[in-house]
Protein backbone atom coordinates (compact mmCIF):
# COMPACT_ATOMS: atom_id res chain seq x y z
CA MET A 1 0.07 18.44 -1.26
CA MET A 2 -2.78 19.92 -3.51
CA LEU A 3 -3.70 18.11 -6.75
CA GLY A 4 -3.91 20.55 -9.49
CA LYS A 5 -5.54 19.96 -12.53
CA LYS A 6 -8.04 17.41 -12.64
CA ILE A 7 -8.73 15.59 -15.60
CA ALA A 8 -11.77 12.68 -16.54
CA ALA A 9 -11.47 9.19 -16.29
CA GLY A 10 -12.17 6.87 -19.16
CA ALA A 11 -11.09 4.04 -21.20
CA ILE A 12 -7.46 5.09 -22.91
CA MET A 13 -4.57 3.70 -24.29
CA LEU A 14 -2.17 1.17 -22.98
CA PHE A 15 1.58 2.80 -23.48
CA ALA A 16 4.47 -0.35 -23.27
CA LEU A 17 6.13 0.82 -20.18
CA THR A 18 9.73 0.67 -19.17
CA SER A 19 11.99 1.31 -16.22
CA ALA A 20 13.33 4.68 -17.16
CA VAL A 21 16.11 7.20 -16.62
CA ALA A 22 17.19 9.27 -13.15
CA PHE A 23 16.12 12.62 -13.36
CA ALA A 24 17.74 15.05 -15.68
CA ASP A 25 19.06 18.51 -14.24
CA ASP A 26 16.94 20.99 -13.75
CA THR A 27 16.02 23.50 -16.15
CA ALA A 28 14.55 26.93 -16.63
CA LEU A 29 10.31 25.84 -18.02
CA LYS A 30 10.21 27.42 -21.62
CA ALA A 31 6.23 28.57 -22.83
CA GLY A 32 6.22 25.78 -24.96
CA ASP A 33 6.70 23.49 -21.49
CA ALA A 34 2.88 24.25 -20.60
CA LYS A 35 2.00 21.15 -24.13
CA VAL A 36 4.64 18.82 -23.16
CA ARG A 37 3.82 19.40 -19.25
CA ASP A 38 -0.11 18.11 -19.73
CA GLU A 39 0.33 15.65 -22.16
CA ALA A 40 2.83 14.28 -19.61
CA GLN A 41 0.07 14.51 -17.11
CA LYS A 42 -2.01 12.67 -19.95
CA PHE A 43 -0.08 10.35 -20.68
CA VAL A 44 0.12 9.14 -16.73
CA VAL A 45 -3.71 9.78 -16.56
CA ASP A 46 -4.71 7.18 -18.91
CA PHE A 47 -2.71 4.44 -18.18
CA VAL A 48 -3.92 4.49 -14.56
CA GLY A 49 -7.72 4.39 -15.88
CA GLN A 50 -5.97 1.71 -18.64
CA ALA A 51 -4.71 -0.46 -15.79
CA TYR A 52 -7.60 0.07 -13.00
CA LYS A 53 -10.82 -0.31 -15.61
CA PRO A 54 -11.42 -4.34 -15.34
CA TYR A 55 -11.70 -3.86 -11.05
CA TYR A 56 -12.23 -0.01 -10.51
CA THR A 57 -15.22 2.63 -11.49
CA LEU A 58 -12.60 5.77 -11.28
CA ASN A 59 -14.57 8.26 -9.64
CA THR A 60 -12.12 11.42 -10.12
CA ILE A 61 -8.69 11.95 -10.81
CA ASP A 62 -6.04 13.97 -10.10
CA SER A 63 -2.67 15.61 -11.27
CA ASP A 64 0.23 17.36 -10.75
CA ILE A 65 3.71 17.92 -12.00
CA SER A 66 6.65 17.91 -8.77
CA GLU A 67 9.73 17.84 -10.67
CA TYR A 68 9.40 18.58 -14.73
CA SER A 69 13.11 18.67 -17.48
CA VAL A 70 13.99 18.61 -20.76
CA LYS A 71 17.62 18.27 -21.59
CA ASP A 72 18.84 17.49 -24.75
CA ASN A 73 14.53 16.97 -25.99
CA VAL A 74 14.70 14.45 -22.85
CA LEU A 75 11.87 15.28 -21.07
CA THR A 76 11.99 13.37 -17.20
CA ALA A 77 8.51 14.40 -14.75
CA ARG A 78 7.56 13.54 -11.92
CA VAL A 79 3.73 12.78 -12.25
CA ASN A 80 1.71 13.04 -8.80
CA ILE A 81 -1.86 11.00 -8.87
CA SER A 82 -5.09 11.83 -7.12
CA LEU A 83 -7.48 9.04 -7.68
CA SER A 84 -10.97 8.72 -5.94
CA LYS A 85 -12.28 4.58 -6.82
CA THR A 86 -14.81 2.07 -6.21
CA LEU A 87 -14.42 -1.75 -6.85
CA LYS A 88 -16.87 -2.17 -9.98
CA ALA A 89 -17.42 -6.14 -7.70
CA LYS A 90 -21.17 -5.80 -6.33
CA SER A 91 -20.64 -8.38 -2.98
CA VAL A 92 -17.80 -9.63 -2.72
CA ASP A 93 -17.99 -12.65 -3.71
CA GLU A 94 -17.89 -10.98 -7.10
CA ILE A 95 -13.94 -10.42 -6.30
CA PRO A 96 -11.36 -12.75 -7.92
CA TYR A 97 -9.52 -13.17 -4.39
CA VAL A 98 -12.42 -14.87 -2.33
CA LYS A 99 -13.87 -16.70 -6.12
CA GLY A 100 -10.06 -18.61 -4.79
CA MET A 101 -11.22 -18.59 -0.65
CA LYS A 102 -14.51 -20.55 -1.75
CA SER A 103 -13.54 -23.17 -4.20
CA GLN A 104 -9.81 -23.27 -1.76
CA SER A 105 -13.13 -24.65 0.82
CA ALA A 106 -14.49 -26.70 -1.75
CA ALA A 107 -11.89 -28.53 -2.30
CA LEU A 108 -11.90 -28.73 1.65
CA LYS A 109 -14.34 -30.86 2.37
CA GLN A 110 -13.52 -34.32 0.83
CA THR A 111 -10.60 -33.49 2.72
CA ASN A 112 -10.93 -33.15 6.17
CA VAL A 113 -13.82 -31.61 7.98
CA ILE A 114 -12.01 -30.02 10.68
CA SER A 115 -9.83 -27.95 8.74
CA VAL A 116 -13.69 -27.03 6.61
CA MET A 117 -14.77 -26.14 9.63
CA GLU A 118 -11.55 -24.15 9.87
CA SER A 119 -11.50 -22.07 6.90
CA GLU A 120 -14.86 -21.30 6.95
CA GLN A 121 -14.71 -19.39 9.78
CA VAL A 122 -11.01 -17.40 7.65
CA ILE A 123 -13.37 -17.02 4.78
CA SER A 124 -15.44 -15.11 7.29
CA ASP A 125 -13.41 -13.16 8.84
CA ARG A 126 -12.44 -12.05 5.41
CA LEU A 127 -15.12 -10.85 4.40
CA LYS A 128 -16.44 -9.25 6.97
CA ASP A 129 -12.96 -7.11 6.41
CA LEU A 130 -13.19 -6.84 2.55
CA SER A 131 -17.89 -6.39 3.02
CA GLU A 132 -16.55 -2.05 3.54
CA TYR A 133 -14.87 -1.65 -0.05
CA ILE A 134 -17.82 -2.67 -1.26
CA GLY A 135 -19.75 0.04 -3.14
CA THR A 136 -17.08 2.70 -1.23
CA ALA A 137 -14.86 4.92 -2.33
CA THR A 138 -11.47 4.00 -1.36
CA GLU A 139 -8.71 7.84 -2.23
CA GLN A 140 -5.39 6.71 -3.19
CA ASN A 141 -1.97 8.70 -3.99
CA ASP A 142 0.46 7.86 -6.09
CA SER A 143 3.78 9.36 -7.78
CA PHE A 144 5.07 8.25 -11.45
CA ARG A 145 8.25 9.02 -13.45
CA LEU A 146 7.92 8.89 -17.02
CA THR A 147 10.91 9.52 -19.71
CA ALA A 148 10.43 10.64 -23.15
CA LYS A 149 11.73 11.89 -26.04
CA VAL A 150 10.17 15.51 -26.75
CA VAL A 151 9.86 15.72 -30.77
CA ASN A 152 8.21 18.67 -33.17
CA GLY A 153 7.53 20.10 -29.07
CA VAL A 154 5.40 16.66 -28.04
CA ILE A 155 6.06 14.10 -26.42
CA ASP A 156 7.45 10.75 -28.80
CA ASN A 157 4.94 8.29 -27.45
CA GLN A 158 7.23 5.15 -28.76
CA SER A 159 9.94 6.46 -26.54
CA ALA A 160 7.86 6.79 -23.71
CA LYS A 161 9.32 4.93 -20.25
CA LEU A 162 7.22 5.11 -16.81
CA GLU A 163 7.96 4.45 -14.01
CA PHE A 164 5.97 4.67 -10.48
CA LEU A 165 7.31 4.32 -6.83
CA ASN A 166 7.02 1.75 -4.54
CA TYR A 167 7.76 4.05 -2.03
CA MET A 168 11.36 4.71 -2.57
CA ASP A 169 12.69 2.64 -5.08
CA TRP A 170 11.29 3.60 -8.98
CA ILE A 171 9.94 -0.02 -10.07
CA PRO A 172 8.48 -0.34 -12.82
CA ALA A 173 5.32 0.68 -13.52
CA ALA A 174 3.93 -2.58 -15.20
CA HIS A 175 4.07 -3.69 -11.33
CA PHE A 176 1.10 -1.05 -10.62
CA VAL A 177 -1.56 -2.65 -13.00
CA PRO A 178 -3.54 -4.98 -10.81
CA GLU A 179 -3.01 -8.90 -11.57
CA ASN A 180 -5.84 -11.33 -13.65
CA GLU A 181 -8.28 -12.84 -12.14
CA GLU A 182 -6.85 -15.96 -12.84
CA ALA A 183 -3.83 -14.96 -10.24
CA MET A 184 -5.73 -13.31 -7.62
CA MET A 185 -8.32 -16.38 -7.24
CA LYS A 186 -4.54 -18.32 -7.34
CA HIS A 187 -3.65 -16.07 -4.39
CA GLY A 188 -7.25 -17.06 -2.43
CA GLN A 189 -6.35 -20.86 -2.60
CA LYS A 190 -2.75 -20.71 -1.33
CA ASP A 191 -3.51 -18.47 1.23
CA LEU A 192 -7.03 -19.92 2.87
CA LEU A 193 -4.60 -23.76 2.85
CA GLU A 194 -1.76 -21.22 4.50
CA ALA A 195 -4.25 -20.54 7.11
CA VAL A 196 -5.54 -23.16 8.05
CA THR A 197 -2.26 -25.24 8.23
CA THR A 198 0.81 -23.20 8.78
CA ASN A 199 -0.91 -19.62 9.97
CA ARG A 200 -3.36 -22.21 12.51
CA ALA A 201 -2.81 -20.41 15.34
CA PHE A 202 -3.46 -16.99 13.95
CA THR A 203 -5.43 -17.33 11.59
CA VAL A 204 -7.94 -20.01 13.61
CA ARG A 205 -9.66 -18.66 16.52
CA SER A 206 -10.48 -21.56 19.58
CA ALA A 207 -12.96 -22.61 22.48
CA VAL A 208 -9.55 -23.20 24.07
CA GLN A 209 -8.10 -19.76 23.10
CA PRO A 210 -7.77 -17.62 27.01
CA GLN A 211 -9.47 -14.74 26.24
CA ALA A 212 -6.87 -11.89 25.06
CA ALA A 213 -5.35 -8.72 27.95
CA PHE A 214 -6.58 -6.48 24.65
CA THR A 215 -8.53 -5.80 21.98
CA TYR A 216 -6.96 -4.40 18.85
CA ASN A 217 -8.84 -2.10 16.74
CA ARG A 218 -7.71 -2.33 13.23
CA ILE A 219 -10.60 0.97 12.27
CA ALA A 220 -8.28 2.76 14.87
CA ALA A 221 -5.29 2.49 14.54
CA ARG A 222 -5.87 3.22 10.31
CA ASP A 223 -7.87 6.38 11.05
CA TYR A 224 -4.80 7.22 13.42
CA ALA A 225 -2.37 6.37 10.90
CA ASN A 226 -4.55 8.67 8.05
CA LYS A 227 -4.67 11.76 10.62
CA TYR A 228 -1.14 11.75 11.52
CA THR A 229 0.46 11.49 7.51
CA SER A 230 0.20 13.80 4.16
CA THR A 231 1.33 13.61 0.99
CA VAL A 232 4.20 15.02 0.28
CA THR A 233 6.38 14.84 -3.12
CA SER A 234 8.87 17.25 -3.27
CA SER A 235 11.86 17.59 -1.15
CA PRO A 236 12.10 17.25 2.46
CA TYR A 237 9.30 14.53 1.85
CA TYR A 238 7.74 14.93 5.08
CA ASP A 239 6.13 17.96 7.34
CA THR A 240 5.82 17.92 10.39
CA SER A 241 2.97 20.22 10.73
CA LYS A 242 0.64 16.74 9.84
CA TRP A 243 2.29 15.05 12.73
CA ASN A 244 0.94 14.18 15.92
CA LYS A 245 2.62 17.35 18.43
CA ASN A 246 2.43 14.97 21.65
CA TYR A 247 5.37 12.86 20.51
CA LYS A 248 8.96 13.68 19.13
CA PHE A 249 9.49 13.97 16.25
CA HIS A 250 12.61 12.53 14.52
CA THR A 251 13.33 14.21 11.22
CA GLU A 252 17.63 13.77 11.75
CA SER A 253 19.64 11.76 8.79
CA GLY A 254 16.72 13.41 5.79
CA GLY A 255 13.80 11.24 8.75
CA VAL A 256 13.37 8.10 10.28
CA ASP A 257 10.26 8.56 11.71
CA CYS A 258 8.44 5.58 10.32
CA ALA A 259 8.50 2.83 13.71
CA ASN A 260 7.15 5.51 15.87
CA TYR A 261 4.51 7.03 13.45
CA VAL A 262 3.64 3.36 12.74
CA SER A 263 3.59 2.75 16.96
CA GLN A 264 1.60 5.61 17.62
CA ALA A 265 -1.01 3.58 15.64
CA MET A 266 -0.66 0.16 16.73
CA TYR A 267 -0.74 2.13 20.31
CA ALA A 268 -3.63 4.18 19.24
CA GLY A 269 -5.32 0.16 18.25
CA GLY A 270 -5.22 -0.78 21.44
CA ILE A 271 -1.74 -2.14 22.06
CA PRO A 272 -0.83 -1.11 25.30
CA THR A 273 2.76 -0.49 26.35
CA ASP A 274 4.97 -1.81 28.93
CA SER A 275 8.77 -1.29 30.11
CA THR A 276 9.99 -2.01 26.51
CA TRP A 277 7.60 -0.79 23.98
CA LYS A 278 6.61 3.21 25.44
CA PRO A 279 7.48 6.18 23.55
CA GLU A 280 10.84 7.22 22.70
CA SER A 281 12.70 3.19 23.34
CA ILE A 282 14.20 1.45 21.05
CA ALA A 283 11.79 -0.93 20.61
CA TRP A 284 9.13 2.31 19.99
CA VAL A 285 10.93 4.08 17.27
CA ASN A 286 13.58 1.28 15.34
CA THR A 287 12.22 -0.82 12.92
CA GLY A 288 14.49 -3.50 14.39
CA ARG A 289 17.13 -3.52 10.88
CA ASN A 290 19.86 -2.37 11.92
CA ILE A 291 19.62 -2.93 15.39
CA SER A 292 17.96 -6.11 17.15
CA ASN A 293 15.03 -5.80 20.11
CA GLY A 294 13.29 -3.38 17.50
CA LEU A 295 9.60 -2.70 16.82
CA GLU A 296 9.37 -5.82 14.24
CA ASP A 297 11.21 -7.87 17.13
CA TYR A 298 8.68 -7.09 19.30
CA MET A 299 5.77 -7.27 18.24
CA VAL A 300 6.10 -10.27 15.83
CA ARG A 301 8.35 -12.66 17.73
CA THR A 302 8.97 -11.21 22.00
CA LYS A 303 5.15 -11.32 21.98
CA LYS A 304 3.48 -12.77 19.36
CA TYR A 305 1.13 -10.13 18.12
CA PHE A 306 1.80 -9.99 14.79
CA TYR A 307 2.08 -12.76 12.62
CA LYS A 308 3.67 -12.65 9.35
CA THR A 309 1.79 -13.09 6.00
CA THR A 310 1.17 -12.27 2.78
CA LYS A 311 0.84 -9.45 0.37
CA ALA A 312 -2.89 -9.95 -0.11
CA THR A 313 -4.13 -11.15 3.61
CA THR A 314 -2.76 -7.82 5.24
CA PRO A 315 -5.74 -5.92 5.39
CA ALA A 316 -5.38 -1.94 7.52
CA GLY A 317 -3.97 -2.76 9.74
CA GLY A 318 -1.50 -4.77 9.53
CA PHE A 319 2.14 -3.86 8.17
CA ILE A 320 5.19 -3.03 6.31
CA SER A 321 8.82 -4.19 6.48
CA ALA A 322 10.80 -3.67 4.12
CA LEU A 323 13.84 -6.13 3.95
CA ASP A 324 17.03 -3.75 1.53
CA TYR A 325 16.74 -1.28 4.22
CA SER A 326 15.09 0.32 7.17
CA HIS A 327 11.68 0.81 7.27
CA VAL A 328 7.86 0.06 8.54
CA MET A 329 4.61 1.34 6.53
CA PHE A 330 1.15 1.40 7.82
CA VAL A 331 -1.40 -0.38 5.94
CA VAL A 332 -4.46 1.63 5.11
CA ALA A 333 -5.86 -0.72 3.32
CA ASN A 334 -6.68 -4.25 0.95
CA ASP A 335 -9.41 -4.53 -1.08
CA THR A 336 -7.40 -7.73 -2.20
CA VAL A 337 -7.10 -6.22 -5.26
CA THR A 338 -4.29 -3.47 -4.00
CA MET A 339 -3.77 -1.78 -0.97
CA GLN A 340 -2.92 1.75 0.49
CA TYR A 341 -0.08 1.84 3.33
CA SER A 342 0.91 5.18 4.84
CA ALA A 343 4.21 6.40 6.20
CA HIS A 344 6.47 8.79 7.91
CA THR A 345 9.34 10.20 6.77
CA ASN A 346 9.20 9.53 3.07
CA ASP A 347 5.93 10.71 4.09
CA LYS A 348 2.83 9.13 2.57
CA LEU A 349 -0.64 8.84 2.60
CA LYS A 350 -3.12 5.81 1.36
CA ALA A 351 -0.29 5.65 -0.96
CA SER A 352 -0.80 2.04 -3.04
CA PHE A 353 1.67 -0.76 -2.84
CA ALA A 354 3.14 -2.88 -5.91
CA ASN A 355 1.08 -5.97 -7.31
CA PHE A 356 4.08 -7.45 -7.30
CA SER A 357 5.84 -10.84 -5.42
CA ASP A 358 9.23 -10.05 -4.42
CA SER A 359 11.85 -10.98 -1.33
CA LYS A 360 12.01 -7.07 -0.66
CA PHE A 361 9.30 -6.56 1.80
CA GLU A 362 7.05 -9.11 4.48
CA PHE A 363 3.89 -7.93 6.14
CA PHE A 364 2.35 -8.35 9.02
CA TYR A 365 -1.48 -8.56 10.61
CA ILE A 366 -2.25 -8.40 14.23
CA ASN A 367 -2.78 -12.46 15.57
CA SER A 368 -6.74 -13.17 15.50
CA ALA A 369 -6.73 -13.66 19.47
CA TYR A 370 -6.90 -10.09 19.34
CA LEU A 371 -9.35 -9.07 17.05
CA ASN A 372 -12.81 -8.67 18.34
């Protein structure tokens, strides 16, 4: 959908934020509501601008409201934003996560020569992934829910509560804010160490490693994922006109097309079909959370094409799996400050994924043996 109201990004005040209550019943809009609606949009735009100020230049930011009500002088509004942002880092070496990786590599030089060689390979591969974000704008679409008292026709900022939509979960908007530089550096240190120890077989190419039967083009997979979905912010939260008509649609029970869509993206990236994983098979259309032999089982445990990793180490071309419900999402961007994903039912296009460590999601990326 098109976002209607454009507001310039700039330095603004960050308001105190906590989780919000559920939406009130819709009420008829009044003439005076236009001012309150504008204030609600400005509140969210200001919050996003302040959250991203340390790491990004915001090129544009648009907003609209898809759900709105005022009941008993309490406003509840769903504010949707669409933005273009560019990292302030002028080189990959300025990215905090990379600083952490390099400091860990330097520490390894004091202990194990083999680990040093492997860590340098991992860093080189990651720098290649991250170089595409330097000087390049990244698009993003997100939704927030604002609840606040309306006093004398204006929003009472002291009572304002803001939530961020992390796929299907409304969570405190504080989780939208990128972590500080120190925290990101620690992630880089930890992830590099795990890459050359726990995940060595998946992340480090070996001179004796047999040539893979196929090559996974993660950029082609990403481009497919972004082509065949859209941002939908109102019921039924999906738009099949944007889906690939060469595949069967799964919209039963309100929409269960997520694994079907992720499988399509993986296939577009070069993963070959077989008698188990092919269109309309269980491994293709089911996540595996509510039935055995689903997509995650096939890709991770059966074929070992993908391996379990972390949020920061999952570039475009990987996928996210929810643990509390049956759902998968496709990663389409990750500069280590923020991650974007695209998905089906609910349809999402380049939506950001929250910055919090949580046991509710797992992240998976392709085994290095299948990359160029």
